[in-house]
Amino acid sequence: MRQVIAIGGGGFGRTQASNLIEQYILDQSTKNTPNICFIPTATGDLDPYVVNFYTVFSKLNCNPSHISFFKRTVDLEAHIADQDIIFVGGGNTKSMLAVWKDWGLDVILKNAYDRGAVMSGVSAGAICWFEQGLTDSWADELKIMPCMNFIPGNCAPHYDEEPERRPATKKLLEGKVIESMYGIEGGAALHFIDETPEYSVRFSNNKNAYLVTLQNDQVNESPYPLRELSS
């Protein structure tokens, strides 16, 4: 079984008060104590982000590790082969994917995905798994850019958190640049199983994930079946 859990925003990068989405990700592994690897490339391996990861996951039933590309880098193929779960952090998607491609990590991650490792992440770490993602990697405007294409289609994280996300999605639909968009709000995740969106996973109040389309010149946001997490 292949899985991707794409988070629209939130989680340990912002607060350590709730571990709901982190525990949900761990629960999707078949292992009682899964190995989980954090990849913070999109922030340039920002040290506080890595610290936040260990602060949260060291309290949970797992074996956490991380990969750095801006210090000494481990044997990527061997390390990823030992992981049950991958979690990719947010930041600059374009720069992250460029680094990964140069190191061959994109191919290594695809192999891990195909063998059943759970893929997850937030923001840049959400859209990287899709055919295309709506990103703020450029300072002047949001752009749609090609990603790793583990999952067909397009993804917009922070769908409710950043006011330009919905208008940008509408413009892309109206211009027929895309036919649909997975819009994922902060405090929610979209859980894919074998490339099919199965659940909108809510870990904050009134948050959701949608399939966004244009019908009769009107934007239609169709929510997915809900899994609501509570402590």
Protein backbone atom coordinates (compact mmCIF):
# COMPACT_ATOMS: atom_id res chain seq x y z
CA MET A 1 0.00 0.00 0.00
CA ARG A 2 1.29 3.43 -0.99
CA GLN A 3 0.42 6.42 1.20
CA VAL A 4 0.86 10.19 1.16
CA ILE A 5 -0.36 12.47 3.96
CA ALA A 6 -0.23 16.05 2.67
CA ILE A 7 -0.66 18.71 5.39
CA GLY A 8 -1.93 22.17 4.45
CA GLY A 9 -0.29 23.91 7.40
CA GLY A 10 0.40 23.53 11.12
CA GLY A 11 2.01 20.81 13.18
CA PHE A 12 5.33 20.80 15.02
CA GLY A 13 6.82 23.60 12.94
CA ARG A 14 4.42 26.05 14.58
CA THR A 15 3.50 24.56 17.93
CA GLN A 16 4.36 21.62 20.12
CA ALA A 17 1.09 21.92 22.08
CA SER A 18 -0.69 19.22 20.08
CA ASN A 19 0.75 16.09 18.51
CA LEU A 20 -2.47 14.97 16.80
CA ILE A 21 -1.33 14.97 13.18
CA GLU A 22 2.12 13.66 14.11
CA GLN A 23 0.58 10.68 15.95
CA TYR A 24 -1.82 10.08 13.06
CA ILE A 25 1.11 9.82 10.65
CA LEU A 26 2.90 7.36 12.93
CA ASP A 27 -0.28 5.29 13.22
CA GLN A 28 -0.32 4.68 9.46
CA SER A 29 2.84 2.61 9.65
CA THR A 30 2.62 -1.14 10.13
CA LYS A 31 5.46 -0.94 12.67
CA ASN A 32 4.87 -0.52 16.42
CA THR A 33 7.92 1.73 16.67
CA PRO A 34 8.46 3.10 13.17
CA ASN A 35 11.59 4.83 11.92
CA ILE A 36 10.69 8.35 10.79
CA CYS A 37 13.04 10.67 8.91
CA PHE A 38 12.63 14.44 8.75
CA ILE A 39 13.89 16.22 5.62
CA PRO A 40 14.10 20.01 6.26
CA THR A 41 15.76 20.96 2.96
CA ALA A 42 13.19 23.62 2.05
CA THR A 43 14.35 25.84 4.93
CA GLY A 44 18.03 25.18 4.27
CA ASP A 45 18.08 22.68 7.16
CA LEU A 46 17.12 25.40 9.65
CA ASP A 47 18.35 24.28 13.06
CA PRO A 48 15.30 25.37 15.14
CA TYR A 49 13.03 23.43 12.78
CA VAL A 50 15.09 20.29 13.30
CA VAL A 51 15.00 20.85 17.07
CA ASN A 52 11.20 21.18 16.96
CA PHE A 53 11.00 17.88 15.10
CA TYR A 54 12.98 16.03 17.75
CA THR A 55 11.15 17.82 20.58
CA VAL A 56 7.85 16.36 19.37
CA PHE A 57 8.79 12.99 17.94
CA SER A 58 11.15 12.01 20.77
CA LYS A 59 8.02 11.98 22.99
CA LEU A 60 6.18 9.62 20.66
CA ASN A 61 6.68 5.93 20.00
CA CYS A 62 9.11 6.10 17.09
CA ASN A 63 12.77 6.34 16.10
CA PRO A 64 13.34 9.86 14.72
CA SER A 65 16.20 10.94 12.47
CA HIS A 66 16.84 13.68 9.91
CA ILE A 67 18.81 14.32 6.74
CA SER A 68 20.95 17.40 6.18
CA PHE A 69 22.20 18.58 2.80
CA PHE A 70 24.02 21.65 4.10
CA LYS A 71 26.29 19.83 6.53
CA ARG A 72 27.74 16.37 6.10
CA THR A 73 25.19 14.19 4.30
CA VAL A 74 24.54 10.54 5.15
CA ASP A 75 24.36 7.71 2.63
CA LEU A 76 20.93 8.64 1.33
CA GLU A 77 20.00 5.32 -0.24
CA ALA A 78 20.94 3.31 2.84
CA HIS A 79 19.27 5.71 5.26
CA ILE A 80 15.98 6.01 3.35
CA ALA A 81 15.86 2.23 2.87
CA ASP A 82 15.71 1.92 6.68
CA GLN A 83 12.79 4.34 7.09
CA ASP A 84 9.12 3.52 7.57
CA ILE A 85 7.95 7.15 7.33
CA ILE A 86 9.28 10.27 5.63
CA PHE A 87 8.26 13.76 6.79
CA VAL A 88 9.22 16.73 4.60
CA GLY A 89 9.20 20.22 6.06
CA GLY A 90 7.96 23.48 4.57
CA GLY A 91 9.89 26.29 2.89
CA ASN A 92 11.05 26.93 -0.66
CA THR A 93 9.76 24.11 -2.86
CA LYS A 94 11.76 25.01 -5.97
CA SER A 95 15.08 25.13 -4.13
CA MET A 96 14.30 21.94 -2.22
CA LEU A 97 13.50 19.94 -5.34
CA ALA A 98 16.60 21.23 -7.12
CA VAL A 99 18.82 20.02 -4.28
CA TRP A 100 17.06 16.68 -4.14
CA LYS A 101 17.40 16.10 -7.87
CA ASP A 102 21.12 16.89 -7.79
CA TRP A 103 21.61 14.31 -5.02
CA GLY A 104 19.23 11.78 -6.59
CA LEU A 105 16.92 11.84 -3.58
CA ASP A 106 13.81 12.15 -5.76
CA VAL A 107 14.48 8.70 -7.22
CA ILE A 108 15.35 7.23 -3.81
CA LEU A 109 12.09 8.58 -2.34
CA LYS A 110 10.06 7.14 -5.22
CA ASN A 111 11.54 3.72 -4.53
CA ALA A 112 10.66 4.08 -0.84
CA TYR A 113 7.11 5.15 -1.72
CA ASP A 114 6.66 2.16 -4.02
CA ARG A 115 7.81 -0.25 -1.30
CA GLY A 116 5.27 1.18 1.17
CA ALA A 117 7.03 3.82 3.24
CA VAL A 118 4.54 6.48 4.36
CA MET A 119 5.24 9.84 2.71
CA SER A 120 4.13 12.97 4.55
CA GLY A 121 4.90 16.64 4.95
CA VAL A 122 3.60 20.17 5.29
CA SER A 123 3.44 23.03 2.78
CA ALA A 124 6.42 22.44 0.45
CA GLY A 125 6.50 18.99 2.03
CA ALA A 126 2.88 18.50 0.97
CA ILE A 127 3.01 19.68 -2.63
CA CYS A 128 6.29 17.96 -3.52
CA TRP A 129 4.51 14.61 -3.95
CA PHE A 130 2.10 15.90 -6.61
CA GLU A 131 2.33 16.39 -10.34
CA GLN A 132 2.26 20.16 -9.73
CA GLY A 133 2.04 22.44 -6.73
CA LEU A 134 1.02 26.03 -6.05
CA THR A 135 4.06 27.60 -4.42
CA ASP A 136 5.34 30.90 -3.05
CA SER A 137 8.95 30.00 -3.86
CA TRP A 138 9.04 33.23 -5.90
CA ALA A 139 8.64 36.46 -3.91
CA ASP A 140 6.50 38.30 -6.45
CA GLU A 141 3.62 35.88 -6.96
CA LEU A 142 2.28 32.38 -6.47
CA LYS A 143 3.18 30.03 -9.30
CA ILE A 144 2.26 26.51 -10.30
CA MET A 145 5.36 24.37 -10.69
CA PRO A 146 6.15 20.75 -11.55
CA CYS A 147 6.92 18.49 -8.60
CA MET A 148 7.75 14.78 -8.24
CA ASN A 149 4.48 13.40 -9.64
CA PHE A 150 4.00 10.52 -7.21
CA ILE A 151 0.33 11.62 -7.26
CA PRO A 152 -1.37 13.00 -10.40
CA GLY A 153 -2.94 16.43 -10.08
CA ASN A 154 -2.25 19.75 -8.42
CA CYS A 155 -2.02 20.80 -4.77
CA ALA A 156 -2.44 24.12 -2.93
CA PRO A 157 -1.49 24.12 0.77
CA HIS A 158 -2.42 26.96 3.19
CA TYR A 159 -5.66 27.14 1.25
CA ASP A 160 -7.41 29.22 3.92
CA GLU A 161 -4.38 30.65 5.73
CA GLU A 162 -2.95 32.80 2.95
CA PRO A 163 -5.52 35.09 1.26
CA GLU A 164 -4.01 34.83 -2.23
CA ARG A 165 -4.35 31.02 -2.43
CA ARG A 166 -8.01 30.86 -3.39
CA PRO A 167 -7.83 33.67 -6.00
CA ALA A 168 -4.70 32.13 -7.53
CA THR A 169 -6.45 28.76 -7.78
CA LYS A 170 -9.49 30.38 -9.39
CA LYS A 171 -7.29 32.15 -11.94
CA LEU A 172 -5.57 28.89 -12.90
CA LEU A 173 -8.92 27.14 -13.31
CA GLU A 174 -10.42 29.97 -15.35
CA GLY A 175 -7.35 30.10 -17.57
CA LYS A 176 -7.60 26.33 -18.12
CA VAL A 177 -4.03 25.94 -16.88
CA ILE A 178 -5.38 23.19 -14.60
CA GLU A 179 -8.63 21.22 -14.44
CA SER A 180 -8.70 20.82 -10.68
CA MET A 181 -6.80 21.56 -7.48
CA TYR A 182 -6.46 19.79 -4.16
CA GLY A 183 -6.96 22.68 -1.71
CA ILE A 184 -5.76 21.82 1.79
CA GLU A 185 -6.42 24.19 4.67
CA GLY A 186 -4.07 24.77 7.59
CA GLY A 187 -4.99 22.39 10.38
CA ALA A 188 -6.01 19.71 7.88
CA ALA A 189 -4.32 17.03 5.80
CA LEU A 190 -5.38 15.01 2.78
CA HIS A 191 -4.61 11.30 3.09
CA PHE A 192 -3.99 9.45 -0.18
CA ILE A 193 -3.93 5.68 -0.46
CA ASP A 194 -2.59 4.26 -3.72
CA GLU A 195 -2.82 7.75 -5.30
CA THR A 196 -6.52 8.09 -4.37
CA PRO A 197 -7.65 10.82 -1.92
CA GLU A 198 -9.45 8.96 0.86
CA TYR A 199 -9.75 11.26 3.88
CA SER A 200 -9.60 14.86 4.94
CA VAL A 201 -7.84 14.63 8.30
CA ARG A 202 -8.79 17.50 10.61
CA PHE A 203 -6.54 18.37 13.55
CA SER A 204 -7.81 21.94 14.09
CA ASN A 205 -11.39 23.22 14.37
CA ASN A 206 -13.43 23.58 11.17
CA LYS A 207 -10.56 22.79 8.79
CA ASN A 208 -10.86 20.69 5.66
CA ALA A 209 -9.41 19.60 2.33
CA TYR A 210 -11.23 19.93 -0.99
CA LEU A 211 -11.25 19.02 -4.63
CA VAL A 212 -11.53 22.46 -6.26
CA THR A 213 -13.02 22.67 -9.75
CA LEU A 214 -14.77 25.20 -11.98
CA GLN A 215 -18.42 24.43 -12.73
CA ASN A 216 -20.58 26.81 -14.75
CA ASP A 217 -17.94 29.51 -14.24
CA GLN A 218 -18.20 29.11 -10.45
CA VAL A 219 -15.56 27.67 -8.15
CA ASN A 220 -16.77 24.46 -6.53
CA GLU A 221 -15.03 23.14 -3.39
CA SER A 222 -15.99 19.55 -2.70
CA PRO A 223 -14.77 18.28 0.71
CA TYR A 224 -13.49 14.76 1.29
CA PRO A 225 -14.80 12.31 3.91
CA LEU A 226 -13.65 13.59 7.28
CA ARG A 227 -11.45 12.04 9.92
CA GLU A 228 -11.44 14.35 12.93
CA LEU A 229 -8.58 13.94 15.38
CA SER A 230 -9.03 14.73 19.05
CA SER A 231 -6.83 14.43 22.11
